[in-house]
C-alpha atoms as a PDB file:
ATOM      1  CA  UNK A   1     -20.082  53.067 164.604  1.00  0.00           C
ATOM      2  CA  UNK A   2     -21.866  55.071 161.601  1.00  0.00           C
ATOM      3  CA  UNK A   3     -19.004  54.374 159.350  1.00  0.00           C
ATOM      4  CA  UNK A   4     -18.365  50.883 160.054  1.00  0.00           C
ATOM      5  CA  UNK A   5     -22.079  50.228 159.507  1.00  0.00           C
ATOM      6  CA  UNK A   6     -21.959  51.927 156.324  1.00  0.00           C
ATOM      7  CA  UNK A   7     -18.880  50.106 155.081  1.00  0.00           C
ATOM      8  CA  UNK A   8     -20.714  46.749 156.028  1.00  0.00           C
ATOM      9  CA  UNK A   9     -24.023  47.712 154.212  1.00  0.00           C
ATOM     10  CA  UNK A  10     -21.768  48.608 151.056  1.00  0.00           C
ATOM     11  CA  UNK A  11     -19.842  45.180 151.167  1.00  0.00           C
ATOM     12  CA  UNK A  12     -23.227  43.341 151.418  1.00  0.00           C
ATOM     13  CA  UNK A  13     -24.468  45.505 148.455  1.00  0.00           C
ATOM     14  CA  UNK A  14     -21.379  44.783 146.384  1.00  0.00           C
ATOM     15  CA  UNK A  15     -21.777  40.896 147.625  1.00  0.00           C
ATOM     16  CA  UNK A  16     -25.517  41.092 146.355  1.00  0.00           C
ATOM     17  CA  UNK A  17     -24.370  42.407 142.801  1.00  0.00           C
ATOM     18  CA  UNK A  18     -21.833  39.471 142.663  1.00  0.00           C
ATOM     19  CA  UNK A  19     -24.667  37.124 143.678  1.00  0.00           C
ATOM     20  CA  UNK A  20     -27.245  38.470 141.297  1.00  0.00           C
ATOM     21  CA  UNK A  21     -24.608  38.273 138.206  1.00  0.00           C
ATOM     22  CA  UNK A  22     -24.032  34.773 138.700  1.00  0.00           C
ATOM     23  CA  UNK A  23     -27.858  33.726 139.218  1.00  0.00           C
ATOM     24  CA  UNK A  24     -28.744  36.060 135.908  1.00  0.00           C
ATOM     25  CA  UNK A  25     -25.708  33.943 134.264  1.00  0.00           C
ATOM     26  CA  UNK A  26     -27.110  30.322 135.133  1.00  0.00           C
ATOM     27  CA  UNK A  27     -30.795  31.509 134.559  1.00  0.00           C
ATOM     28  CA  UNK A  28     -30.024  32.849 131.131  1.00  0.00           C
ATOM     29  CA  UNK A  29     -31.399  36.265 132.320  1.00  0.00           C
ATOM     30  CA  UNK A  30     -29.311  38.603 129.939  1.00  0.00           C
ATOM     31  CA  UNK A  31     -30.678  41.783 131.036  1.00  0.00           C
ATOM     32  CA  UNK A  32     -29.924  40.830 134.665  1.00  0.00           C
ATOM     33  CA  UNK A  33     -26.126  40.361 133.499  1.00  0.00           C
ATOM     34  CA  UNK A  34     -26.075  43.498 131.976  1.00  0.00           C
ATOM     35  CA  UNK A  35     -27.768  45.290 134.827  1.00  0.00           C
ATOM     36  CA  UNK A  36     -24.753  44.028 137.190  1.00  0.00           C
ATOM     37  CA  UNK A  37     -22.176  46.365 135.197  1.00  0.00           C
ATOM     38  CA  UNK A  38     -22.061  49.952 135.092  1.00  0.00           C
ATOM     39  CA  UNK A  39     -22.070  52.123 131.811  1.00  0.00           C
ATOM     40  CA  UNK A  40     -18.908  51.924 130.058  1.00  0.00           C
ATOM     41  CA  UNK A  41     -17.619  48.968 131.801  1.00  0.00           C
ATOM     42  CA  UNK A  42     -15.227  46.945 130.504  1.00  0.00           C
ATOM     43  CA  UNK A  43     -14.404  42.837 130.827  1.00  0.00           C
ATOM     44  CA  UNK A  44     -11.281  41.074 130.598  1.00  0.00           C
ATOM     45  CA  UNK A  45     -12.341  37.620 130.500  1.00  0.00           C
ATOM     46  CA  UNK A  46      -8.881  35.850 131.256  1.00  0.00           C
ATOM     47  CA  UNK A  47      -7.670  35.867 127.563  1.00  0.00           C
ATOM     48  CA  UNK A  48     -11.119  34.765 126.240  1.00  0.00           C
ATOM     49  CA  UNK A  49     -12.431  38.192 125.867  1.00  0.00           C
ATOM     50  CA  UNK A  50     -10.982  41.964 126.133  1.00  0.00           C
ATOM     51  CA  UNK A  51     -13.241  44.751 125.658  1.00  0.00           C
ATOM     52  CA  UNK A  52     -16.599  46.649 126.629  1.00  0.00           C
ATOM     53  CA  UNK A  53     -18.881  44.884 128.748  1.00  0.00           C
ATOM     54  CA  UNK A  54     -21.641  45.311 126.856  1.00  0.00           C
ATOM     55  CA  UNK A  55     -19.800  43.710 123.767  1.00  0.00           C
ATOM     56  CA  UNK A  56     -19.072  40.659 126.194  1.00  0.00           C
ATOM     57  CA  UNK A  57     -22.696  40.323 127.560  1.00  0.00           C
ATOM     58  CA  UNK A  58     -23.561  40.424 123.717  1.00  0.00           C
ATOM     59  CA  UNK A  59     -21.068  37.592 122.735  1.00  0.00           C
ATOM     60  CA  UNK A  60     -22.451  35.231 125.415  1.00  0.00           C
ATOM     61  CA  UNK A  61     -25.900  36.166 125.231  1.00  0.00           C
ATOM     62  CA  UNK A  62     -26.886  33.207 123.026  1.00  0.00           C
ATOM     63  CA  UNK A  63     -25.111  30.540 125.117  1.00  0.00           C
ATOM     64  CA  UNK A  64     -26.307  31.748 128.379  1.00  0.00           C
ATOM     65  CA  UNK A  65     -30.083  31.855 127.090  1.00  0.00           C
ATOM     66  CA  UNK A  66     -30.235  28.696 125.445  1.00  0.00           C
ATOM     67  CA  UNK A  67     -32.875  26.932 126.663  1.00  0.00           C
ATOM     68  CA  UNK A  68     -30.871  23.726 127.108  1.00  0.00           C
ATOM     69  CA  UNK A  69     -27.816  25.141 128.437  1.00  0.00           C
ATOM     70  CA  UNK A  70     -27.148  24.205 132.186  1.00  0.00           C
ATOM     71  CA  UNK A  71     -24.564  26.013 134.291  1.00  0.00           C
ATOM     72  CA  UNK A  72     -23.969  26.386 137.796  1.00  0.00           C
ATOM     73  CA  UNK A  73     -21.800  29.198 139.243  1.00  0.00           C
ATOM     74  CA  UNK A  74     -20.868  28.941 142.742  1.00  0.00           C
ATOM     75  CA  UNK A  75     -19.268  31.754 144.482  1.00  0.00           C
ATOM     76  CA  UNK A  76     -16.819  31.370 147.686  1.00  0.00           C
ATOM     77  CA  UNK A  77     -14.266  33.377 149.181  1.00  0.00           C
ATOM     78  CA  UNK A  78     -15.482  36.651 148.540  1.00  0.00           C
ATOM     79  CA  UNK A  79     -13.131  39.539 149.661  1.00  0.00           C
ATOM     80  CA  UNK A  80     -14.611  42.946 149.400  1.00  0.00           C
ATOM     81  CA  UNK A  81     -11.951  45.836 149.935  1.00  0.00           C
ATOM     82  CA  UNK A  82     -13.505  49.414 150.225  1.00  0.00           C
ATOM     83  CA  UNK A  83     -11.094  52.184 148.748  1.00  0.00           C
ATOM     84  CA  UNK A  84     -10.204  55.235 150.094  1.00  0.00           C
ATOM     85  CA  UNK A  85     -12.668  56.975 147.750  1.00  0.00           C
ATOM     86  CA  UNK A  86     -15.743  56.080 149.519  1.00  0.00           C
ATOM     87  CA  UNK A  87     -17.504  55.310 145.992  1.00  0.00           C
ATOM     88  CA  UNK A  88     -14.877  52.541 144.964  1.00  0.00           C
ATOM     89  CA  UNK A  89     -14.116  49.210 146.037  1.00  0.00           C
ATOM     90  CA  UNK A  90     -12.478  45.977 144.760  1.00  0.00           C
ATOM     91  CA  UNK A  91     -13.889  42.078 145.039  1.00  0.00           C
ATOM     92  CA  UNK A  92     -11.926  39.014 144.483  1.00  0.00           C
ATOM     93  CA  UNK A  93     -14.502  36.022 144.365  1.00  0.00           C
ATOM     94  CA  UNK A  94     -13.578  32.288 144.062  1.00  0.00           C
ATOM     95  CA  UNK A  95     -15.471  30.627 141.527  1.00  0.00           C
ATOM     96  CA  UNK A  96     -16.628  27.323 140.676  1.00  0.00           C
ATOM     97  CA  UNK A  97     -18.530  26.415 137.581  1.00  0.00           C
ATOM     98  CA  UNK A  98     -20.415  23.172 136.129  1.00  0.00           C
ATOM     99  CA  UNK A  99     -21.280  23.617 132.212  1.00  0.00           C
ATOM    100  CA  UNK A 100     -22.752  21.018 130.344  1.00  0.00           C
ATOM    101  CA  UNK A 101     -21.558  21.091 126.811  1.00  0.00           C
ATOM    102  CA  UNK A 102     -22.160  19.650 123.669  1.00  0.00           C
ATOM    103  CA  UNK A 103     -19.252  17.279 122.369  1.00  0.00           C
ATOM    104  CA  UNK A 104     -18.566  15.591 119.110  1.00  0.00           C
ATOM    105  CA  UNK A 105     -19.699  12.553 120.745  1.00  0.00           C
ATOM    106  CA  UNK A 106     -22.833  13.744 122.568  1.00  0.00           C
ATOM    107  CA  UNK A 107     -22.100  15.663 125.735  1.00  0.00           C
ATOM    108  CA  UNK A 108     -19.737  16.196 128.391  1.00  0.00           C
ATOM    109  CA  UNK A 109     -19.358  17.971 131.760  1.00  0.00           C
ATOM    110  CA  UNK A 110     -16.533  20.796 132.490  1.00  0.00           C
ATOM    111  CA  UNK A 111     -15.931  21.756 135.822  1.00  0.00           C
ATOM    112  CA  UNK A 112     -13.674  25.061 136.153  1.00  0.00           C
ATOM    113  CA  UNK A 113     -12.210  27.011 139.147  1.00  0.00           C
ATOM    114  CA  UNK A 114     -11.566  30.617 138.365  1.00  0.00           C
ATOM    115  CA  UNK A 115     -11.104  33.918 140.460  1.00  0.00           C
ATOM    116  CA  UNK A 116     -13.173  37.072 139.650  1.00  0.00           C
ATOM    117  CA  UNK A 117     -11.387  40.567 140.371  1.00  0.00           C
ATOM    118  CA  UNK A 118     -13.962  43.325 139.902  1.00  0.00           C
ATOM    119  CA  UNK A 119     -13.338  47.035 140.295  1.00  0.00           C
ATOM    120  CA  UNK A 120     -16.839  48.508 141.585  1.00  0.00           C
ATOM    121  CA  UNK A 121     -17.895  52.054 141.631  1.00  0.00           C
ATOM    122  CA  UNK A 122     -20.812  53.699 143.262  1.00  0.00           C
ATOM    123  CA  UNK A 123     -22.656  55.779 140.727  1.00  0.00           C
ATOM    124  CA  UNK A 124     -26.060  57.594 141.471  1.00  0.00           C
ATOM    125  CA  UNK A 125     -26.171  55.468 144.869  1.00  0.00           C
ATOM    126  CA  UNK A 126     -25.805  52.240 143.251  1.00  0.00           C
ATOM    127  CA  UNK A 127     -23.005  49.809 143.100  1.00  0.00           C
ATOM    128  CA  UNK A 128     -21.805  48.131 140.182  1.00  0.00           C
ATOM    129  CA  UNK A 129     -19.190  46.226 138.265  1.00  0.00           C
ATOM    130  CA  UNK A 130     -16.831  48.847 136.541  1.00  0.00           C
ATOM    131  CA  UNK A 131     -14.191  46.448 135.463  1.00  0.00           C
ATOM    132  CA  UNK A 132     -13.998  42.824 135.661  1.00  0.00           C
ATOM    133  CA  UNK A 133     -10.935  40.610 135.552  1.00  0.00           C
ATOM    134  CA  UNK A 134     -11.506  36.482 135.374  1.00  0.00           C
ATOM    135  CA  UNK A 135      -8.347  34.499 136.031  1.00  0.00           C
ATOM    136  CA  UNK A 136      -8.486  31.042 135.133  1.00  0.00           C
ATOM    137  CA  UNK A 137      -7.150  28.579 138.062  1.00  0.00           C
ATOM    138  CA  UNK A 138      -8.422  24.913 136.991  1.00  0.00           C
ATOM    139  CA  UNK A 139     -10.628  22.727 134.860  1.00  0.00           C
ATOM    140  CA  UNK A 140     -11.751  19.470 134.772  1.00  0.00           C
ATOM    141  CA  UNK A 141     -13.614  17.741 131.834  1.00  0.00           C
ATOM    142  CA  UNK A 142     -15.937  14.547 132.011  1.00  0.00           C
ATOM    143  CA  UNK A 143     -18.149  12.536 129.999  1.00  0.00           C
ATOM    144  CA  UNK A 144     -21.742  13.260 130.943  1.00  0.00           C
ATOM    145  CA  UNK A 145     -23.523  10.995 133.267  1.00  0.00           C
ATOM    146  CA  UNK A 146     -26.413  11.937 135.010  1.00  0.00           C
ATOM    147  CA  UNK A 147     -27.628   9.242 137.348  1.00  0.00           C
ATOM    148  CA  UNK A 148     -28.364  11.156 140.221  1.00  0.00           C
ATOM    149  CA  UNK A 149     -26.153   9.857 142.948  1.00  0.00           C
ATOM    150  CA  UNK A 150     -25.932   6.746 140.955  1.00  0.00           C
ATOM    151  CA  UNK A 151     -29.875   5.819 140.916  1.00  0.00           C
ATOM    152  CA  UNK A 152     -30.001   6.400 144.636  1.00  0.00           C
ATOM    153  CA  UNK A 153     -31.745   9.597 144.759  1.00  0.00           C
ATOM    154  CA  UNK A 154     -34.712   8.529 142.510  1.00  0.00           C
ATOM    155  CA  UNK A 155     -35.456   5.725 140.214  1.00  0.00           C
ATOM    156  CA  UNK A 156     -37.228   8.189 138.009  1.00  0.00           C
ATOM    157  CA  UNK A 157     -35.324  11.284 137.525  1.00  0.00           C
ATOM    158  CA  UNK A 158     -38.406  12.762 135.570  1.00  0.00           C
ATOM    159  CA  UNK A 159     -40.132  13.567 138.764  1.00  0.00           C
ATOM    160  CA  UNK A 160     -37.346  16.117 139.911  1.00  0.00           C
ATOM    161  CA  UNK A 161     -37.853  19.731 140.060  1.00  0.00           C
ATOM    162  CA  UNK A 162     -35.311  21.091 137.480  1.00  0.00           C
ATOM    163  CA  UNK A 163     -33.976  24.797 137.014  1.00  0.00           C
ATOM    164  CA  UNK A 164     -35.262  26.643 134.080  1.00  0.00           C
ATOM    165  CA  UNK A 165     -34.296  29.592 132.239  1.00  0.00           C
ATOM    166  CA  UNK A 166     -35.394  33.274 132.701  1.00  0.00           C
ATOM    167  CA  UNK A 167     -38.537  33.694 133.450  1.00  0.00           C
ATOM    168  CA  UNK A 168     -39.687  30.013 133.754  1.00  0.00           C
ATOM    169  CA  UNK A 169     -37.436  28.938 136.724  1.00  0.00           C
ATOM    170  CA  UNK A 170     -39.041  28.887 140.412  1.00  0.00           C
ATOM    171  CA  UNK A 171     -36.998  31.850 141.698  1.00  0.00           C
ATOM    172  CA  UNK A 172     -38.893  34.369 139.258  1.00  0.00           C
ATOM    173  CA  UNK A 173     -42.243  32.958 140.433  1.00  0.00           C
ATOM    174  CA  UNK A 174     -41.563  33.587 144.334  1.00  0.00           C
ATOM    175  CA  UNK A 175     -40.979  30.019 144.959  1.00  0.00           C
ATOM    176  CA  UNK A 176     -40.173  30.845 148.758  1.00  0.00           C
ATOM    177  CA  UNK A 177     -43.288  32.406 149.592  1.00  0.00           C
END
């Protein structure tokens, strides 16, 4: 039972690294994104970028942290397979993303389905991403049209509590306390 419990705890720790990564991206927390990678980690972002994770994070930092940037990453179908070596694992995660983008005509919305395949390693008692491969599955672009359920949610969207960038988002202020 002890081995099974250790496996379960390792899988939970790995899942939390994945969840923290996506939250950090959406909240513009560049240091939080970097913290999910191990020193010397590499990133293969599906043909868009291939190199060190450090260089990858530096290349996306201005977009991720932009104060008007809006993204949401939803992670599903997470499968963590522990390696024969107890300090290695592979995780496959399905991710659906929303991004508001500036277009020549104003703004648009882009929806993407992808899979992320990560090699995890435990170093100094901490799980982190050693290598990431992103695989694109589908994309749908649409014109921007924020009417909040066709105006049925609220007549005045300015009253809605909106997400913000690090450190101003409610999650960093302990909203659940």
